[in-house]
Amino acid sequence: MSRIRTERLVNLVICLLSTRRFLTAAQIAATVPGYEHDPEDPKDHEAFQRKFERDKAELRELGVPLETGTASAFDNEPGYRVAHRDYALPDIPLEPDEAAAVGIAGRLWQHHGLAAAASSGLAKLRAAGIDMDPRATLGVEPVVTVDPAFAPLTTAARERRAVAFDYRAPEGDEAATRKLQPWGVVCWRGKWYVVGHDLARDAVRCFRLSRIQGKVRVTGQPGAFTPPADLDLISHVSHFSGPVEWTGRATLLVEPGTGAGLRRWAQQVVSEGGKDKIIMRYADTDRLAGTLVRYGASVQVLAPPELRDAVIQRLKEIVTRTEEVPA
């Protein structure tokens, strides 16, 4: 679904939720952005009617309880509304383990730009009488993090403002200044990327956030550009990043009966001293380290050293965060 149509459908739902009376198609056309047309022009009015019929069908397919009726017995033209009683979610009781999972989600984003939303969600759960015990999530840590450039770039993309930042390409040691009209930020293969129009090269480019040096500087005015219609950020990132290269070779010591996910990717499994030695290929050290941490003491990294160090660093971060939770 295109961005323009998505915005129109969202505006339509908000409009129909905001009224208790039935609104006619003409009233909706005069209220909801995206339905502007000349009702005196037969072709223009017919195009509006086709668009409105498609949108009504789309809302019903999405499960939106769209009601049809009239405001009074004297009205001949049908109207539409969305009843709050049918649209609102019912009470959602959580079991202790489910509440613990919500607690993990609240601690997922480790960046100040997203911490407020997580805190707000947990506060609403506590207000609803759901006890959120921080100790219930100890030992289970989220692995999704964002880079410092995440918040300023997403804000700039939302406000459509150009930015500048210093970027270190993988083939070079020195950072170079890049000027970009950011279209959006997306996660691909465990890494965050910003996609946009590179002003210096006058072409589409994507940049990995972890390679941005220093602060992102806002250089343009709001609304200075318009991203392409039907933008697909993932396709741009996948095109520029190229195919996965499985150049790493890891040697792991795994307890019997554990590590099923690792065994599926193993090139070789050898029993040794009551444990299994697994040899496997991998493409990204940080991503594999994040996966191995989840297995806890069941998996030990024998080689290479950089993978072992990455796992140890993640374990130290978990210990640090665990010690910060009040007893």
Protein backbone atom coordinates (compact mmCIF):
# COMPACT_ATOMS: atom_id res chain seq x y z
CA MET A 1 0.00 0.00 0.00
CA SER A 2 1.35 3.42 -0.94
CA ARG A 3 2.22 5.97 1.73
CA ILE A 4 -0.42 8.41 0.40
CA ARG A 5 -3.19 5.82 0.61
CA THR A 6 -2.07 4.71 4.06
CA GLU A 7 -2.25 8.28 5.33
CA ARG A 8 -5.69 8.72 3.78
CA LEU A 9 -7.02 5.54 5.44
CA VAL A 10 -5.60 6.56 8.81
CA ASN A 11 -7.21 10.00 8.49
CA LEU A 12 -10.50 8.37 7.51
CA VAL A 13 -10.48 6.11 10.58
CA ILE A 14 -9.65 9.05 12.86
CA CYS A 15 -12.47 11.08 11.34
CA LEU A 16 -15.05 8.31 11.74
CA LEU A 17 -13.91 7.58 15.29
CA SER A 18 -14.18 11.24 16.23
CA THR A 19 -17.90 11.53 15.53
CA ARG A 20 -20.96 9.92 17.08
CA ARG A 21 -23.24 10.72 14.14
CA PHE A 22 -23.14 9.17 10.70
CA LEU A 23 -21.17 11.20 8.15
CA THR A 24 -22.17 11.20 4.50
CA ALA A 25 -19.67 10.70 1.71
CA ALA A 26 -19.89 14.42 0.90
CA GLN A 27 -19.09 15.37 4.51
CA ILE A 28 -16.16 12.94 4.55
CA ALA A 29 -14.83 14.37 1.29
CA ALA A 30 -14.90 17.85 2.81
CA THR A 31 -13.17 16.70 6.00
CA VAL A 32 -10.61 13.99 5.23
CA PRO A 33 -7.40 14.96 3.36
CA GLY A 34 -6.98 12.98 0.18
CA TYR A 35 -10.60 13.13 -0.95
CA GLU A 36 -10.53 16.66 -2.36
CA HIS A 37 -12.47 16.91 -5.63
CA ASP A 38 -14.98 19.03 -7.53
CA PRO A 39 -18.46 17.54 -6.88
CA GLU A 40 -19.81 19.50 -9.86
CA ASP A 41 -17.42 17.73 -12.23
CA PRO A 42 -18.98 14.32 -13.11
CA LYS A 43 -15.63 12.64 -13.89
CA ASP A 44 -13.95 14.05 -10.78
CA HIS A 45 -16.87 13.03 -8.58
CA GLU A 46 -16.95 9.53 -10.09
CA ALA A 47 -13.23 9.13 -9.37
CA PHE A 48 -13.85 10.13 -5.75
CA GLN A 49 -16.66 7.58 -5.42
CA ARG A 50 -14.44 4.77 -6.76
CA LYS A 51 -11.65 5.77 -4.40
CA PHE A 52 -14.02 5.93 -1.42
CA GLU A 53 -15.54 2.50 -2.21
CA ARG A 54 -12.05 0.95 -2.41
CA ASP A 55 -11.10 2.52 0.92
CA LYS A 56 -14.28 1.27 2.63
CA ALA A 57 -13.59 -2.26 1.40
CA GLU A 58 -9.97 -2.00 2.58
CA LEU A 59 -11.02 -0.91 6.09
CA ARG A 60 -13.47 -3.81 6.39
CA GLU A 61 -10.77 -6.26 5.25
CA LEU A 62 -8.50 -4.84 7.95
CA GLY A 63 -11.17 -5.51 10.56
CA VAL A 64 -12.28 -1.93 11.14
CA PRO A 65 -15.97 -2.08 12.21
CA LEU A 66 -17.40 0.38 9.69
CA GLU A 67 -21.08 1.09 10.35
CA THR A 68 -23.61 2.38 7.81
CA GLY A 69 -26.73 4.31 8.80
CA THR A 70 -28.47 7.68 8.80
CA ALA A 71 -28.34 10.55 11.27
CA SER A 72 -32.14 10.82 11.32
CA ALA A 73 -35.23 9.29 9.77
CA PHE A 74 -35.44 12.21 7.34
CA ASP A 75 -32.00 11.55 5.76
CA ASN A 76 -32.01 9.75 2.42
CA GLU A 77 -28.24 9.47 1.96
CA PRO A 78 -26.43 6.86 4.06
CA GLY A 79 -23.61 7.86 6.37
CA TYR A 80 -20.67 6.12 7.99
CA ARG A 81 -18.98 5.91 11.38
CA VAL A 82 -16.77 3.62 13.48
CA ALA A 83 -18.26 2.58 16.82
CA HIS A 84 -15.88 2.89 19.75
CA ARG A 85 -17.39 -0.15 21.49
CA ASP A 86 -16.45 -2.41 18.58
CA TYR A 87 -13.13 -0.77 17.67
CA ALA A 88 -11.54 -0.57 21.13
CA LEU A 89 -9.38 -3.44 22.35
CA PRO A 90 -10.72 -5.47 25.28
CA ASP A 91 -8.85 -5.71 28.58
CA ILE A 92 -5.65 -7.72 28.13
CA PRO A 93 -4.81 -9.73 31.27
CA LEU A 94 -1.17 -10.79 31.46
CA GLU A 95 0.24 -13.86 33.16
CA PRO A 96 3.48 -13.37 35.16
CA ASP A 97 5.65 -14.72 32.32
CA GLU A 98 3.84 -12.48 29.82
CA ALA A 99 4.35 -9.47 32.07
CA ALA A 100 8.04 -10.38 32.21
CA ALA A 101 8.17 -10.38 28.42
CA VAL A 102 6.60 -6.91 28.39
CA GLY A 103 9.26 -5.84 30.87
CA ILE A 104 11.96 -7.00 28.47
CA ALA A 105 10.31 -5.05 25.66
CA GLY A 106 10.32 -1.97 27.87
CA ARG A 107 14.07 -2.35 28.32
CA LEU A 108 14.67 -3.18 24.66
CA TRP A 109 15.65 0.26 23.41
CA GLN A 110 18.88 1.35 25.04
CA HIS A 111 18.87 4.84 23.55
CA HIS A 112 17.56 7.96 25.26
CA GLY A 113 15.58 8.96 22.20
CA LEU A 114 13.31 5.92 22.61
CA ALA A 115 13.39 5.44 26.36
CA ALA A 116 10.43 7.78 26.94
CA ALA A 117 8.07 5.64 24.86
CA ALA A 118 9.10 2.47 26.68
CA SER A 119 8.72 4.14 30.09
CA SER A 120 5.28 5.44 29.11
CA GLY A 121 4.14 1.95 28.11
CA LEU A 122 5.31 0.43 31.40
CA ALA A 123 3.65 3.23 33.36
CA LYS A 124 0.32 2.49 31.66
CA LEU A 125 0.65 -1.21 32.53
CA ARG A 126 1.34 -0.39 36.17
CA ALA A 127 -1.65 1.99 36.21
CA ALA A 128 -3.81 -0.88 34.95
CA GLY A 129 -2.81 -2.94 37.97
CA ILE A 130 -0.21 -5.16 36.28
CA ASP A 131 2.78 -5.65 38.54
CA MET A 132 6.04 -5.26 36.63
CA ASP A 133 8.78 -6.94 38.63
CA PRO A 134 12.16 -5.84 37.15
CA ARG A 135 13.83 -8.95 38.60
CA ALA A 136 11.57 -11.18 36.52
CA THR A 137 13.57 -10.35 33.42
CA LEU A 138 17.04 -10.89 34.84
CA GLY A 139 19.16 -13.22 32.74
CA VAL A 140 17.14 -12.50 29.61
CA GLU A 141 18.39 -9.43 27.85
CA PRO A 142 17.32 -7.82 24.57
CA VAL A 143 19.95 -7.71 21.86
CA VAL A 144 18.51 -4.85 19.76
CA THR A 145 20.36 -1.58 20.19
CA VAL A 146 20.53 1.59 18.16
CA ASP A 147 23.39 3.91 17.32
CA PRO A 148 23.65 7.52 18.56
CA ALA A 149 22.82 8.75 15.05
CA PHE A 150 19.46 6.93 15.10
CA ALA A 151 17.37 9.62 16.83
CA PRO A 152 18.61 12.68 14.87
CA LEU A 153 18.35 10.87 11.54
CA THR A 154 14.83 9.56 12.12
CA THR A 155 13.77 13.03 13.24
CA ALA A 156 15.33 14.63 10.16
CA ALA A 157 13.65 12.07 7.89
CA ARG A 158 10.29 12.73 9.52
CA GLU A 159 10.69 16.51 9.22
CA ARG A 160 12.29 16.18 5.74
CA ARG A 161 15.38 18.19 6.64
CA ALA A 162 18.81 17.75 5.09
CA VAL A 163 21.69 16.65 7.33
CA ALA A 164 25.47 16.42 7.28
CA PHE A 165 27.71 13.94 9.07
CA ASP A 166 31.22 12.54 9.01
CA TYR A 167 31.28 9.00 7.63
CA ARG A 168 34.07 6.44 7.62
CA ALA A 169 33.73 4.04 4.68
CA PRO A 170 34.97 0.46 5.22
CA GLU A 171 37.67 0.85 2.57
CA GLY A 172 39.14 4.02 4.09
CA ASP A 173 40.61 5.19 7.39
CA GLU A 174 39.62 8.84 7.22
CA ALA A 175 36.06 10.04 7.71
CA ALA A 176 34.56 12.22 4.96
CA THR A 177 31.66 14.66 5.30
CA ARG A 178 28.43 13.50 3.65
CA LYS A 179 25.41 15.70 2.93
CA LEU A 180 22.14 13.81 2.73
CA GLN A 181 18.40 14.25 2.38
CA PRO A 182 17.35 11.32 4.59
CA TRP A 183 14.32 9.34 3.45
CA GLY A 184 14.26 6.89 6.35
CA VAL A 185 16.16 4.56 8.67
CA VAL A 186 15.88 0.78 8.46
CA CYS A 187 17.43 -2.30 10.07
CA TRP A 188 19.05 -4.83 7.70
CA ARG A 189 20.90 -7.95 8.84
CA GLY A 190 21.18 -6.63 12.38
CA LYS A 191 22.60 -3.23 11.34
CA TRP A 192 20.91 0.17 11.05
CA TYR A 193 21.12 2.14 7.81
CA VAL A 194 19.90 5.53 6.62
CA VAL A 195 18.75 5.83 3.01
CA GLY A 196 18.45 9.09 1.14
CA HIS A 197 19.59 11.40 -1.63
CA ASP A 198 23.31 12.20 -1.47
CA LEU A 199 23.54 15.88 -2.39
CA ALA A 200 27.20 15.79 -3.39
CA ARG A 201 26.82 12.75 -5.65
CA ASP A 202 23.26 13.58 -6.76
CA ALA A 203 22.28 9.94 -6.32
CA VAL A 204 20.60 7.53 -3.93
CA ARG A 205 22.92 6.28 -1.20
CA CYS A 206 22.67 4.36 2.07
CA PHE A 207 24.99 4.67 5.06
CA ARG A 208 25.48 2.37 8.04
CA LEU A 209 24.84 4.26 11.27
CA SER A 210 27.68 2.58 13.16
CA ARG A 211 30.18 4.17 10.73
CA ILE A 212 28.99 7.72 11.37
CA GLN A 213 31.58 9.67 13.34
CA GLY A 214 30.52 12.37 15.78
CA LYS A 215 27.16 14.12 15.72
CA VAL A 216 24.62 14.39 12.92
CA ARG A 217 24.20 18.05 11.96
CA VAL A 218 20.88 19.38 10.66
CA THR A 219 21.55 21.73 7.74
CA GLY A 220 18.20 22.19 5.97
CA GLN A 221 14.77 23.64 6.60
CA PRO A 222 11.70 21.47 7.35
CA GLY A 223 9.84 20.17 4.31
CA ALA A 224 12.80 20.81 2.00
CA PHE A 225 12.35 17.59 -0.01
CA THR A 226 9.87 14.81 -0.76
CA PRO A 227 10.92 11.14 -0.72
CA PRO A 228 9.94 9.00 -3.72
CA ALA A 229 6.43 7.53 -3.73
CA ASP A 230 6.16 3.86 -2.69
CA LEU A 231 9.64 4.01 -1.17
CA ASP A 232 11.14 0.63 -0.24
CA LEU A 233 14.11 1.25 2.07
CA ILE A 234 15.02 -2.43 2.40
CA SER A 235 15.46 -2.86 -1.35
CA HIS A 236 17.90 0.07 -1.46
CA VAL A 237 19.97 -1.25 1.45
CA SER A 238 20.05 -4.81 0.13
CA HIS A 239 21.15 -3.54 -3.28
CA PHE A 240 24.05 -1.49 -1.91
CA SER A 241 25.18 -3.95 0.77
CA GLY A 242 25.45 -6.82 -1.69
CA PRO A 243 25.24 -10.55 -0.95
CA VAL A 244 26.22 -12.03 2.40
CA GLU A 245 29.84 -13.17 2.51
CA TRP A 246 30.34 -16.05 4.95
CA THR A 247 34.05 -15.44 5.45
CA GLY A 248 34.27 -16.12 9.20
CA ARG A 249 34.98 -19.56 10.66
CA ALA A 250 33.91 -20.19 14.27
CA THR A 251 34.82 -23.10 16.53
CA LEU A 252 32.41 -23.66 19.41
CA LEU A 253 32.21 -26.09 22.32
CA VAL A 254 28.58 -27.01 22.93
CA GLU A 255 26.93 -29.01 25.70
CA PRO A 256 25.17 -32.21 24.50
CA GLY A 257 21.48 -31.71 23.80
CA THR A 258 21.77 -27.93 23.43
CA GLY A 259 22.47 -25.47 20.61
CA ALA A 260 20.03 -26.97 18.11
CA GLY A 261 20.01 -23.76 16.10
CA LEU A 262 23.80 -23.76 15.85
CA ARG A 263 23.95 -27.42 14.88
CA ARG A 264 21.74 -26.77 11.87
CA TRP A 265 24.37 -24.37 10.49
CA ALA A 266 27.37 -26.50 11.43
CA GLN A 267 29.83 -27.68 8.81
CA GLN A 268 31.30 -30.19 11.20
CA VAL A 269 30.35 -31.66 14.61
CA VAL A 270 32.91 -33.69 16.58
CA SER A 271 32.43 -35.21 20.06
CA GLU A 272 35.25 -34.23 22.37
CA GLY A 273 35.49 -34.81 26.13
CA GLY A 274 31.76 -35.29 26.65
CA LYS A 275 30.93 -32.15 24.64
CA ASP A 276 30.48 -31.36 20.95
CA LYS A 277 32.88 -29.23 18.97
CA ILE A 278 31.01 -27.34 16.26
CA ILE A 279 32.67 -25.63 13.32
CA MET A 280 30.52 -23.18 11.38
CA ARG A 281 30.79 -20.29 8.92
CA TYR A 282 29.42 -16.83 9.69
CA ALA A 283 29.19 -13.40 8.07
CA ASP A 284 29.03 -10.89 10.93
CA THR A 285 30.92 -11.11 14.21
CA ASP A 286 28.59 -8.89 16.24
CA ARG A 287 25.47 -10.64 15.02
CA LEU A 288 26.82 -14.12 15.79
CA ALA A 289 28.01 -12.93 19.22
CA GLY A 290 24.48 -11.72 19.98
CA THR A 291 23.13 -15.14 19.04
CA LEU A 292 25.69 -17.06 21.11
CA VAL A 293 25.00 -15.03 24.25
CA ARG A 294 21.46 -16.36 24.27
CA TYR A 295 22.75 -19.89 24.86
CA GLY A 296 24.45 -18.87 28.10
CA ALA A 297 26.92 -21.35 29.60
CA SER A 298 25.88 -24.06 27.13
CA VAL A 299 28.16 -22.64 24.43
CA GLN A 300 31.83 -21.69 24.68
CA VAL A 301 33.74 -19.91 21.90
CA LEU A 302 37.13 -21.44 21.15
CA ALA A 303 37.96 -19.39 18.06
CA PRO A 304 38.41 -16.86 16.55
CA PRO A 305 39.59 -14.44 19.25
CA GLU A 306 37.53 -11.50 17.96
CA LEU A 307 34.31 -13.53 18.25
CA ARG A 308 35.24 -14.67 21.75
CA ASP A 309 35.98 -11.07 22.77
CA ALA A 310 32.64 -9.88 21.34
CA VAL A 311 30.75 -12.51 23.37
CA ILE A 312 32.66 -11.60 26.56
CA GLN A 313 31.89 -7.91 26.02
CA ARG A 314 28.18 -8.61 25.65
CA LEU A 315 28.19 -10.73 28.81
CA LYS A 316 29.89 -7.90 30.72
CA GLU A 317 27.20 -5.48 29.52
CA ILE A 318 24.49 -7.85 30.75
CA VAL A 319 26.16 -8.09 34.16
CA THR A 320 26.41 -4.30 34.37
CA ARG A 321 22.74 -3.81 33.53
CA THR A 322 21.72 -6.56 35.96
CA GLU A 323 23.60 -4.89 38.80
CA GLU A 324 21.76 -1.63 38.08
CA VAL A 325 18.34 -3.22 38.72
CA PRO A 326 17.22 -2.43 42.31
CA ALA A 327 16.87 -5.40 44.61
